[in-house]
Amino acid sequence: VAIGDDIAATMNAAAVLVLIGERPGLSSPDSLGLYFTQNPGPGLS
């Protein structure tokens, strides 16, 4: 997820949305997650 912060900083983006494959469960091996950060930058929690 946090690689989006590096990418956003490199692109000077005002916000970033990361679409990422989530940790599979035993009934959901194909779950996609969306992680949104406004004013992103390296080192954010």
All heavy atoms as atom14 arrays in JSON, in Angstrom:
{
  "sequence": "VAIGDDIAATMNAAAVLVLIGERPGLSSPDSLGLYFTQNPGPGLS",
  "atom14_mask": [
    [1, 1, 1, 1, 1, 1, 1, 0, 0, 0, 0, 0, 0, 0],
    [1, 1, 1, 1, 1, 0, 0, 0, 0, 0, 0, 0, 0, 0],
    [1, 1, 1, 1, 1, 1, 1, 1, 0, 0, 0, 0, 0, 0],
    [1, 1, 1, 1, 0, 0, 0, 0, 0, 0, 0, 0, 0, 0],
    [1, 1, 1, 1, 1, 1, 1, 1, 0, 0, 0, 0, 0, 0],
    [1, 1, 1, 1, 1, 1, 1, 1, 0, 0, 0, 0, 0, 0],
    [1, 1, 1, 1, 1, 1, 1, 1, 0, 0, 0, 0, 0, 0],
    [1, 1, 1, 1, 1, 0, 0, 0, 0, 0, 0, 0, 0, 0],
    [1, 1, 1, 1, 1, 0, 0, 0, 0, 0, 0, 0, 0, 0],
    [1, 1, 1, 1, 1, 1, 1, 0, 0, 0, 0, 0, 0, 0],
    [1, 1, 1, 1, 1, 1, 1, 1, 0, 0, 0, 0, 0, 0],
    [1, 1, 1, 1, 1, 1, 1, 1, 0, 0, 0, 0, 0, 0],
    [1, 1, 1, 1, 1, 0, 0, 0, 0, 0, 0, 0, 0, 0],
    [1, 1, 1, 1, 1, 0, 0, 0, 0, 0, 0, 0, 0, 0],
    [1, 1, 1, 1, 1, 0, 0, 0, 0, 0, 0, 0, 0, 0],
    [1, 1, 1, 1, 1, 1, 1, 0, 0, 0, 0, 0, 0, 0],
    [1, 1, 1, 1, 1, 1, 1, 1, 0, 0, 0, 0, 0, 0],
    [1, 1, 1, 1, 1, 1, 1, 0, 0, 0, 0, 0, 0, 0],
    [1, 1, 1, 1, 1, 1, 1, 1, 0, 0, 0, 0, 0, 0],
    [1, 1, 1, 1, 1, 1, 1, 1, 0, 0, 0, 0, 0, 0],
    [1, 1, 1, 1, 0, 0, 0, 0, 0, 0, 0, 0, 0, 0],
    [1, 1, 1, 1, 1, 1, 1, 1, 1, 0, 0, 0, 0, 0],
    [1, 1, 1, 1, 1, 1, 1, 1, 1, 1, 1, 0, 0, 0],
    [1, 1, 1, 1, 1, 1, 1, 0, 0, 0, 0, 0, 0, 0],
    [1, 1, 1, 1, 0, 0, 0, 0, 0, 0, 0, 0, 0, 0],
    [1, 1, 1, 1, 1, 1, 1, 1, 0, 0, 0, 0, 0, 0],
    [1, 1, 1, 1, 1, 1, 0, 0, 0, 0, 0, 0, 0, 0],
    [1, 1, 1, 1, 1, 1, 0, 0, 0, 0, 0, 0, 0, 0],
    [1, 1, 1, 1, 1, 1, 1, 0, 0, 0, 0, 0, 0, 0],
    [1, 1, 1, 1, 1, 1, 1, 1, 0, 0, 0, 0, 0, 0],
    [1, 1, 1, 1, 1, 1, 0, 0, 0, 0, 0, 0, 0, 0],
    [1, 1, 1, 1, 1, 1, 1, 1, 0, 0, 0, 0, 0, 0],
    [1, 1, 1, 1, 0, 0, 0, 0, 0, 0, 0, 0, 0, 0],
    [1, 1, 1, 1, 1, 1, 1, 1, 0, 0, 0, 0, 0, 0],
    [1, 1, 1, 1, 1, 1, 1, 1, 1, 1, 1, 1, 0, 0],
    [1, 1, 1, 1, 1, 1, 1, 1, 1, 1, 1, 0, 0, 0],
    [1, 1, 1, 1, 1, 1, 1, 0, 0, 0, 0, 0, 0, 0],
    [1, 1, 1, 1, 1, 1, 1, 1, 1, 0, 0, 0, 0, 0],
    [1, 1, 1, 1, 1, 1, 1, 1, 0, 0, 0, 0, 0, 0],
    [1, 1, 1, 1, 1, 1, 1, 0, 0, 0, 0, 0, 0, 0],
    [1, 1, 1, 1, 0, 0, 0, 0, 0, 0, 0, 0, 0, 0],
    [1, 1, 1, 1, 1, 1, 1, 0, 0, 0, 0, 0, 0, 0],
    [1, 1, 1, 1, 0, 0, 0, 0, 0, 0, 0, 0, 0, 0],
    [1, 1, 1, 1, 1, 1, 1, 1, 0, 0, 0, 0, 0, 0],
    [1, 1, 1, 1, 1, 1, 0, 0, 0, 0, 0, 0, 0, 0]
  ],
  "atom14_positions": [
    [[0.82, -1.21, 0.0], [0.0, 0.0, 0.0], [0.85, 1.26, 0.0], [0.61, 2.21, -0.76], [-0.96, 0.0, 1.21], [-1.67, 1.34, 1.33], [-1.99, -1.13, 1.08], [0.0, 0.0, 0.0], [0.0, 0.0, 0.0], [0.0, 0.0, 0.0], [0.0, 0.0, 0.0], [0.0, 0.0, 0.0], [0.0, 0.0, 0.0], [0.0, 0.0, 0.0]],
    [[1.87, 1.31, 0.85], [2.64, 2.54, 1.04], [3.46, 2.93, -0.17], [3.97, 4.06, -0.23], [3.54, 2.42, 2.26], [0.0, 0.0, 0.0], [0.0, 0.0, 0.0], [0.0, 0.0, 0.0], [0.0, 0.0, 0.0], [0.0, 0.0, 0.0], [0.0, 0.0, 0.0], [0.0, 0.0, 0.0], [0.0, 0.0, 0.0], [0.0, 0.0, 0.0]],
    [[3.6, 2.04, -1.16], [4.35, 2.43, -2.35], [3.62, 3.57, -3.07], [4.23, 4.36, -3.8], [4.56, 1.23, -3.3], [5.72, 1.53, -4.27], [3.29, 0.89, -4.07], [6.15, 0.32, -5.08], [0.0, 0.0, 0.0], [0.0, 0.0, 0.0], [0.0, 0.0, 0.0], [0.0, 0.0, 0.0], [0.0, 0.0, 0.0], [0.0, 0.0, 0.0]],
    [[2.32, 3.69, -2.82], [1.57, 4.8, -3.39], [2.08, 6.15, -2.93], [2.01, 7.14, -3.68], [0.0, 0.0, 0.0], [0.0, 0.0, 0.0], [0.0, 0.0, 0.0], [0.0, 0.0, 0.0], [0.0, 0.0, 0.0], [0.0, 0.0, 0.0], [0.0, 0.0, 0.0], [0.0, 0.0, 0.0], [0.0, 0.0, 0.0], [0.0, 0.0, 0.0]],
    [[2.62, 6.23, -1.71], [3.16, 7.49, -1.21], [4.38, 7.92, -2.02], [4.54, 9.09, -2.36], [3.52, 7.37, 0.27], [2.31, 7.1, 1.15], [1.2, 7.5, 0.77], [2.49, 6.48, 2.22], [0.0, 0.0, 0.0], [0.0, 0.0, 0.0], [0.0, 0.0, 0.0], [0.0, 0.0, 0.0], [0.0, 0.0, 0.0], [0.0, 0.0, 0.0]],
    [[5.28, 6.98, -2.29], [6.46, 7.27, -3.11], [6.05, 7.7, -4.51], [6.6, 8.65, -5.07], [7.36, 6.03, -3.2], [8.41, 5.98, -2.09], [8.3, 6.78, -1.14], [9.32, 5.15, -2.19], [0.0, 0.0, 0.0], [0.0, 0.0, 0.0], [0.0, 0.0, 0.0], [0.0, 0.0, 0.0], [0.0, 0.0, 0.0], [0.0, 0.0, 0.0]],
    [[5.11, 6.97, -5.08], [4.66, 7.28, -6.44], [4.02, 8.66, -6.5], [4.3, 9.47, -7.4], [3.69, 6.19, -6.94], [4.44, 4.88, -7.15], [2.98, 6.63, -8.22], [3.56, 3.69, -7.45], [0.0, 0.0, 0.0], [0.0, 0.0, 0.0], [0.0, 0.0, 0.0], [0.0, 0.0, 0.0], [0.0, 0.0, 0.0], [0.0, 0.0, 0.0]],
    [[3.16, 8.97, -5.52], [2.5, 10.27, -5.49], [3.52, 11.4, -5.34], [3.4, 12.46, -5.98], [1.49, 10.31, -4.35], [0.0, 0.0, 0.0], [0.0, 0.0, 0.0], [0.0, 0.0, 0.0], [0.0, 0.0, 0.0], [0.0, 0.0, 0.0], [0.0, 0.0, 0.0], [0.0, 0.0, 0.0], [0.0, 0.0, 0.0], [0.0, 0.0, 0.0]],
    [[4.54, 11.18, -4.49], [5.56, 12.21, -4.31], [6.34, 12.44, -5.59], [6.65, 13.59, -5.96], [6.5, 11.82, -3.17], [0.0, 0.0, 0.0], [0.0, 0.0, 0.0], [0.0, 0.0, 0.0], [0.0, 0.0, 0.0], [0.0, 0.0, 0.0], [0.0, 0.0, 0.0], [0.0, 0.0, 0.0], [0.0, 0.0, 0.0], [0.0, 0.0, 0.0]],
    [[6.66, 11.36, -6.3], [7.4, 11.48, -7.55], [6.59, 12.22, -8.61], [7.14, 12.97, -9.41], [7.77, 10.07, -8.07], [8.54, 9.39, -7.07], [8.59, 10.15, -9.35], [0.0, 0.0, 0.0], [0.0, 0.0, 0.0], [0.0, 0.0, 0.0], [0.0, 0.0, 0.0], [0.0, 0.0, 0.0], [0.0, 0.0, 0.0], [0.0, 0.0, 0.0]],
    [[5.27, 12.04, -8.59], [4.39, 12.66, -9.59], [3.84, 14.01, -9.14], [3.11, 14.66, -9.89], [3.23, 11.72, -9.91], [3.64, 10.35, -10.42], [2.23, 9.34, -10.89], [1.81, 10.07, -12.47], [0.0, 0.0, 0.0], [0.0, 0.0, 0.0], [0.0, 0.0, 0.0], [0.0, 0.0, 0.0], [0.0, 0.0, 0.0], [0.0, 0.0, 0.0]],
    [[4.15, 14.42, -7.9], [3.58, 15.66, -7.33], [2.05, 15.59, -7.3], [1.36, 16.59, -7.56], [4.04, 16.88, -8.13], [5.54, 17.07, -8.09], [6.14, 17.04, -7.02], [6.15, 17.23, -9.26], [0.0, 0.0, 0.0], [0.0, 0.0, 0.0], [0.0, 0.0, 0.0], [0.0, 0.0, 0.0], [0.0, 0.0, 0.0], [0.0, 0.0, 0.0]],
    [[1.51, 14.43, -6.97], [0.06, 14.23, -6.94], [-0.52, 14.78, -5.65], [0.08, 14.66, -4.57], [-0.27, 12.75, -7.07], [0.0, 0.0, 0.0], [0.0, 0.0, 0.0], [0.0, 0.0, 0.0], [0.0, 0.0, 0.0], [0.0, 0.0, 0.0], [0.0, 0.0, 0.0], [0.0, 0.0, 0.0], [0.0, 0.0, 0.0], [0.0, 0.0, 0.0]],
    [[-1.71, 15.37, -5.75], [-2.38, 15.9, -4.56], [-2.98, 14.81, -3.7], [-3.19, 14.99, -2.5], [-3.47, 16.89, -4.98], [0.0, 0.0, 0.0], [0.0, 0.0, 0.0], [0.0, 0.0, 0.0], [0.0, 0.0, 0.0], [0.0, 0.0, 0.0], [0.0, 0.0, 0.0], [0.0, 0.0, 0.0], [0.0, 0.0, 0.0], [0.0, 0.0, 0.0]],
    [[-3.29, 13.65, -4.3], [-3.88, 12.52, -3.58], [-3.52, 11.25, -4.34], [-3.13, 11.29, -5.52], [-5.39, 12.68, -3.46], [0.0, 0.0, 0.0], [0.0, 0.0, 0.0], [0.0, 0.0, 0.0], [0.0, 0.0, 0.0], [0.0, 0.0, 0.0], [0.0, 0.0, 0.0], [0.0, 0.0, 0.0], [0.0, 0.0, 0.0], [0.0, 0.0, 0.0]],
    [[-3.65, 10.12, -3.67], [-3.35, 8.84, -4.32], [-4.38, 7.8, -3.9], [-4.84, 7.78, -2.75], [-1.91, 8.37, -3.98], [-1.75, 8.11, -2.48], [-1.55, 7.12, -4.78], [0.0, 0.0, 0.0], [0.0, 0.0, 0.0], [0.0, 0.0, 0.0], [0.0, 0.0, 0.0], [0.0, 0.0, 0.0], [0.0, 0.0, 0.0], [0.0, 0.0, 0.0]],
    [[-4.75, 6.96, -4.86], [-5.62, 5.81, -4.59], [-4.88, 4.56, -5.05], [-4.49, 4.46, -6.21], [-6.94, 5.94, -5.34], [-7.93, 4.78, -5.12], [-8.41, 4.74, -3.68], [-9.11, 4.89, -6.07], [0.0, 0.0, 0.0], [0.0, 0.0, 0.0], [0.0, 0.0, 0.0], [0.0, 0.0, 0.0], [0.0, 0.0, 0.0], [0.0, 0.0, 0.0]],
    [[-4.69, 3.63, -4.12], [-3.98, 2.38, -4.43], [-5.0, 1.26, -4.51], [-5.71, 0.98, -3.53], [-2.92, 2.06, -3.35], [-2.22, 0.75, -3.68], [-1.91, 3.2, -3.25], [0.0, 0.0, 0.0], [0.0, 0.0, 0.0], [0.0, 0.0, 0.0], [0.0, 0.0, 0.0], [0.0, 0.0, 0.0], [0.0, 0.0, 0.0], [0.0, 0.0, 0.0]],
    [[-5.09, 0.62, -5.67], [-5.88, -0.59, -5.85], [-4.93, -1.76, -5.65], [-3.93, -1.88, -6.36], [-6.49, -0.65, -7.26], [-7.7, 0.19, -7.6], [-7.47, 1.67, -7.33], [-8.11, -0.02, -9.05], [0.0, 0.0, 0.0], [0.0, 0.0, 0.0], [0.0, 0.0, 0.0], [0.0, 0.0, 0.0], [0.0, 0.0, 0.0], [0.0, 0.0, 0.0]],
    [[-5.23, -2.64, -4.7], [-4.25, -3.67, -4.33], [-4.94, -4.98, -3.99], [-6.06, -4.99, -3.45], [-3.39, -3.18, -3.14], [-2.2, -4.11, -2.89], [-4.22, -2.97, -1.9], [-1.15, -3.53, -1.96], [0.0, 0.0, 0.0], [0.0, 0.0, 0.0], [0.0, 0.0, 0.0], [0.0, 0.0, 0.0], [0.0, 0.0, 0.0], [0.0, 0.0, 0.0]],
    [[-4.29, -6.08, -4.33], [-4.79, -7.39, -3.96], [-4.64, -7.61, -2.46], [-3.53, -7.53, -1.93], [0.0, 0.0, 0.0], [0.0, 0.0, 0.0], [0.0, 0.0, 0.0], [0.0, 0.0, 0.0], [0.0, 0.0, 0.0], [0.0, 0.0, 0.0], [0.0, 0.0, 0.0], [0.0, 0.0, 0.0], [0.0, 0.0, 0.0], [0.0, 0.0, 0.0]],
    [[-5.76, -7.89, -1.79], [-5.73, -8.05, -0.34], [-5.3, -9.46, 0.05], [-5.38, -10.4, -0.75], [-7.13, -7.76, 0.23], [-7.56, -6.32, 0.03], [-8.91, -6.03, 0.65], [-9.88, -6.74, 0.32], [-8.99, -5.1, 1.45], [0.0, 0.0, 0.0], [0.0, 0.0, 0.0], [0.0, 0.0, 0.0], [0.0, 0.0, 0.0], [0.0, 0.0, 0.0]],
    [[-4.9, -9.59, 1.29], [-4.51, -10.89, 1.81], [-5.67, -11.87, 1.63], [-6.78, -11.61, 2.09], [-4.13, -10.79, 3.28], [-3.7, -12.12, 3.91], [-3.36, -11.96, 5.37], [-2.15, -11.19, 5.57], [-2.11, -9.95, 6.04], [-3.23, -9.32, 6.35], [-0.96, -9.33, 6.2], [0.0, 0.0, 0.0], [0.0, 0.0, 0.0], [0.0, 0.0, 0.0]],
    [[-5.45, -13.01, 0.96], [-6.57, -13.92, 0.69], [-7.1, -14.57, 1.96], [-6.34, -14.94, 2.85], [-5.97, -14.97, -0.24], [-4.63, -14.49, -0.61], [-4.2, -13.49, 0.39], [0.0, 0.0, 0.0], [0.0, 0.0, 0.0], [0.0, 0.0, 0.0], [0.0, 0.0, 0.0], [0.0, 0.0, 0.0], [0.0, 0.0, 0.0], [0.0, 0.0, 0.0]],
    [[-8.41, -14.72, 2.01], [-9.04, -15.53, 3.04], [-9.43, -16.87, 2.44], [-9.31, -17.09, 1.23], [0.0, 0.0, 0.0], [0.0, 0.0, 0.0], [0.0, 0.0, 0.0], [0.0, 0.0, 0.0], [0.0, 0.0, 0.0], [0.0, 0.0, 0.0], [0.0, 0.0, 0.0], [0.0, 0.0, 0.0], [0.0, 0.0, 0.0], [0.0, 0.0, 0.0]],
    [[-9.93, -17.76, 3.28], [-10.29, -19.09, 2.79], [-11.61, -19.1, 2.04], [-12.04, -20.14, 1.56], [-10.32, -20.08, 3.96], [-8.95, -20.39, 4.55], [-9.07, -21.28, 5.77], [-8.05, -21.05, 3.5], [0.0, 0.0, 0.0], [0.0, 0.0, 0.0], [0.0, 0.0, 0.0], [0.0, 0.0, 0.0], [0.0, 0.0, 0.0], [0.0, 0.0, 0.0]],
    [[-12.28, -17.95, 1.96], [-13.46, -17.85, 1.1], [-13.34, -16.67, 0.14], [-14.28, -16.39, -0.6], [-14.73, -17.7, 1.96], [-14.66, -16.53, 2.75], [0.0, 0.0, 0.0], [0.0, 0.0, 0.0], [0.0, 0.0, 0.0], [0.0, 0.0, 0.0], [0.0, 0.0, 0.0], [0.0, 0.0, 0.0], [0.0, 0.0, 0.0], [0.0, 0.0, 0.0]],
    [[-12.2, -15.98, 0.15], [-12.06, -14.79, -0.7], [-10.63, -14.63, -1.2], [-9.9, -13.75, -0.74], [-12.49, -13.54, 0.07], [-11.73, -13.41, 1.27], [0.0, 0.0, 0.0], [0.0, 0.0, 0.0], [0.0, 0.0, 0.0], [0.0, 0.0, 0.0], [0.0, 0.0, 0.0], [0.0, 0.0, 0.0], [0.0, 0.0, 0.0], [0.0, 0.0, 0.0]],
    [[-10.2, -15.46, -2.15], [-8.85, -15.33, -2.68], [-8.7, -14.2, -3.69], [-7.59, -13.95, -4.17], [-8.61, -16.69, -3.35], [-9.98, -17.11, -3.79], [-10.91, -16.62, -2.72], [0.0, 0.0, 0.0], [0.0, 0.0, 0.0], [0.0, 0.0, 0.0], [0.0, 0.0, 0.0], [0.0, 0.0, 0.0], [0.0, 0.0, 0.0], [0.0, 0.0, 0.0]],
    [[-9.8, -13.52, -4.02], [-9.78, -12.53, -5.1], [-10.3, -11.17, -4.65], [-10.95, -10.45, -5.41], [-10.61, -13.02, -6.29], [-12.09, -13.21, -5.92], [-12.38, -13.42, -4.72], [-12.94, -13.15, -6.83], [0.0, 0.0, 0.0], [0.0, 0.0, 0.0], [0.0, 0.0, 0.0], [0.0, 0.0, 0.0], [0.0, 0.0, 0.0], [0.0, 0.0, 0.0]],
    [[-9.99, -10.78, -3.43], [-10.52, -9.53, -2.87], [-9.58, -8.36, -3.19], [-8.39, -8.4, -2.87], [-10.69, -9.66, -1.36], [-11.18, -8.46, -0.81], [0.0, 0.0, 0.0], [0.0, 0.0, 0.0], [0.0, 0.0, 0.0], [0.0, 0.0, 0.0], [0.0, 0.0, 0.0], [0.0, 0.0, 0.0], [0.0, 0.0, 0.0], [0.0, 0.0, 0.0]],
    [[-10.15, -7.32, -3.8], [-9.4, -6.12, -4.14], [-9.69, -5.03, -3.11], [-10.85, -4.82, -2.73], [-9.81, -5.63, -5.53], [-9.03, -4.46, -6.14], [-7.63, -4.92, -6.56], [-9.78, -3.89, -7.34], [0.0, 0.0, 0.0], [0.0, 0.0, 0.0], [0.0, 0.0, 0.0], [0.0, 0.0, 0.0], [0.0, 0.0, 0.0], [0.0, 0.0, 0.0]],
    [[-8.66, -4.34, -2.65], [-8.82, -3.25, -1.7], [-8.46, -1.91, -2.32], [-7.62, -1.85, -3.23], [0.0, 0.0, 0.0], [0.0, 0.0, 0.0], [0.0, 0.0, 0.0], [0.0, 0.0, 0.0], [0.0, 0.0, 0.0], [0.0, 0.0, 0.0], [0.0, 0.0, 0.0], [0.0, 0.0, 0.0], [0.0, 0.0, 0.0], [0.0, 0.0, 0.0]],
    [[-9.09, -0.84, -1.85], [-8.79, 0.52, -2.3], [-8.31, 1.31, -1.09], [-9.02, 1.39, -0.07], [-10.04, 1.2, -2.88], [-10.46, 0.89, -4.31], [-10.8, -0.58, -4.5], [-11.67, 1.74, -4.69], [0.0, 0.0, 0.0], [0.0, 0.0, 0.0], [0.0, 0.0, 0.0], [0.0, 0.0, 0.0], [0.0, 0.0, 0.0], [0.0, 0.0, 0.0]],
    [[-7.13, 1.91, -1.18], [-6.56, 2.7, -0.09], [-6.33, 4.13, -0.58], [-5.57, 4.35, -1.53], [-5.25, 2.07, 0.38], [-5.46, 0.78, 1.13], [-5.65, -0.41, 0.45], [-5.48, 0.74, 2.52], [-5.86, -1.61, 1.13], [-5.69, -0.44, 3.22], [-5.88, -1.61, 2.51], [-6.09, -2.79, 3.18], [0.0, 0.0, 0.0], [0.0, 0.0, 0.0]],
    [[-6.94, 5.08, 0.1], [-6.93, 6.48, -0.32], [-6.14, 7.33, 0.67], [-6.33, 7.22, 1.88], [-8.37, 6.99, -0.41], [-8.5, 8.49, -0.57], [-7.88, 9.14, -1.62], [-9.24, 9.22, 0.34], [-8.0, 10.52, -1.77], [-9.37, 10.6, 0.2], [-8.74, 11.25, -0.86], [0.0, 0.0, 0.0], [0.0, 0.0, 0.0], [0.0, 0.0, 0.0]],
    [[-5.26, 8.19, 0.13], [-4.5, 9.13, 0.96], [-4.55, 10.51, 0.33], [-4.14, 10.68, -0.82], [-3.04, 8.69, 1.11], [-2.97, 7.32, 1.51], [-2.33, 9.54, 2.17], [0.0, 0.0, 0.0], [0.0, 0.0, 0.0], [0.0, 0.0, 0.0], [0.0, 0.0, 0.0], [0.0, 0.0, 0.0], [0.0, 0.0, 0.0], [0.0, 0.0, 0.0]],
    [[-5.03, 11.47, 1.09], [-4.98, 12.88, 0.67], [-3.68, 13.48, 1.17], [-3.24, 13.2, 2.29], [-6.18, 13.63, 1.26], [-6.29, 15.08, 0.85], [-6.67, 15.26, -0.62], [-7.39, 14.44, -1.18], [-6.16, 16.33, -1.22], [0.0, 0.0, 0.0], [0.0, 0.0, 0.0], [0.0, 0.0, 0.0], [0.0, 0.0, 0.0], [0.0, 0.0, 0.0]],
    [[-3.05, 14.33, 0.35], [-1.75, 14.93, 0.69], [-0.73, 13.85, 1.05], [-0.16, 13.85, 2.15], [-1.89, 15.93, 1.84], [-2.89, 17.03, 1.52], [-2.96, 17.51, 0.4], [-3.67, 17.43, 2.52], [0.0, 0.0, 0.0], [0.0, 0.0, 0.0], [0.0, 0.0, 0.0], [0.0, 0.0, 0.0], [0.0, 0.0, 0.0], [0.0, 0.0, 0.0]],
    [[-0.48, 12.9, 0.15], [0.43, 11.79, 0.47], [1.89, 12.22, 0.48], [2.27, 13.25, -0.09], [0.16, 10.8, -0.68], [-0.25, 11.68, -1.82], [-1.01, 12.82, -1.22], [0.0, 0.0, 0.0], [0.0, 0.0, 0.0], [0.0, 0.0, 0.0], [0.0, 0.0, 0.0], [0.0, 0.0, 0.0], [0.0, 0.0, 0.0], [0.0, 0.0, 0.0]],
    [[2.7, 11.4, 1.12], [4.14, 11.63, 1.15], [4.81, 10.49, 1.88], [4.18, 9.8, 2.69], [0.0, 0.0, 0.0], [0.0, 0.0, 0.0], [0.0, 0.0, 0.0], [0.0, 0.0, 0.0], [0.0, 0.0, 0.0], [0.0, 0.0, 0.0], [0.0, 0.0, 0.0], [0.0, 0.0, 0.0], [0.0, 0.0, 0.0], [0.0, 0.0, 0.0]],
    [[6.09, 10.23, 1.62], [6.8, 9.14, 2.29], [6.75, 9.25, 3.8], [6.82, 10.35, 4.36], [8.23, 9.29, 1.77], [8.09, 10.0, 0.46], [6.94, 10.94, 0.64], [0.0, 0.0, 0.0], [0.0, 0.0, 0.0], [0.0, 0.0, 0.0], [0.0, 0.0, 0.0], [0.0, 0.0, 0.0], [0.0, 0.0, 0.0], [0.0, 0.0, 0.0]],
    [[6.6, 8.11, 4.46], [6.64, 8.07, 5.92], [5.31, 8.2, 6.61], [5.25, 8.16, 7.85], [0.0, 0.0, 0.0], [0.0, 0.0, 0.0], [0.0, 0.0, 0.0], [0.0, 0.0, 0.0], [0.0, 0.0, 0.0], [0.0, 0.0, 0.0], [0.0, 0.0, 0.0], [0.0, 0.0, 0.0], [0.0, 0.0, 0.0], [0.0, 0.0, 0.0]],
    [[4.21, 8.32, 5.85], [2.9, 8.43, 6.49], [2.5, 7.1, 7.13], [2.83, 6.03, 6.63], [1.84, 8.85, 5.47], [1.94, 10.25, 4.87], [0.76, 10.5, 3.93], [1.98, 11.3, 5.96], [0.0, 0.0, 0.0], [0.0, 0.0, 0.0], [0.0, 0.0, 0.0], [0.0, 0.0, 0.0], [0.0, 0.0, 0.0], [0.0, 0.0, 0.0]],
    [[1.74, 7.17, 8.21], [1.22, 5.96, 8.83], [-0.13, 5.61, 8.22], [-0.76, 6.43, 7.53], [1.05, 6.17, 10.34], [-0.07, 6.99, 10.61], [0.0, 0.0, 0.0], [0.0, 0.0, 0.0], [0.0, 0.0, 0.0], [0.0, 0.0, 0.0], [0.0, 0.0, 0.0], [0.0, 0.0, 0.0], [0.0, 0.0, 0.0], [0.0, 0.0, 0.0]]
  ]
}
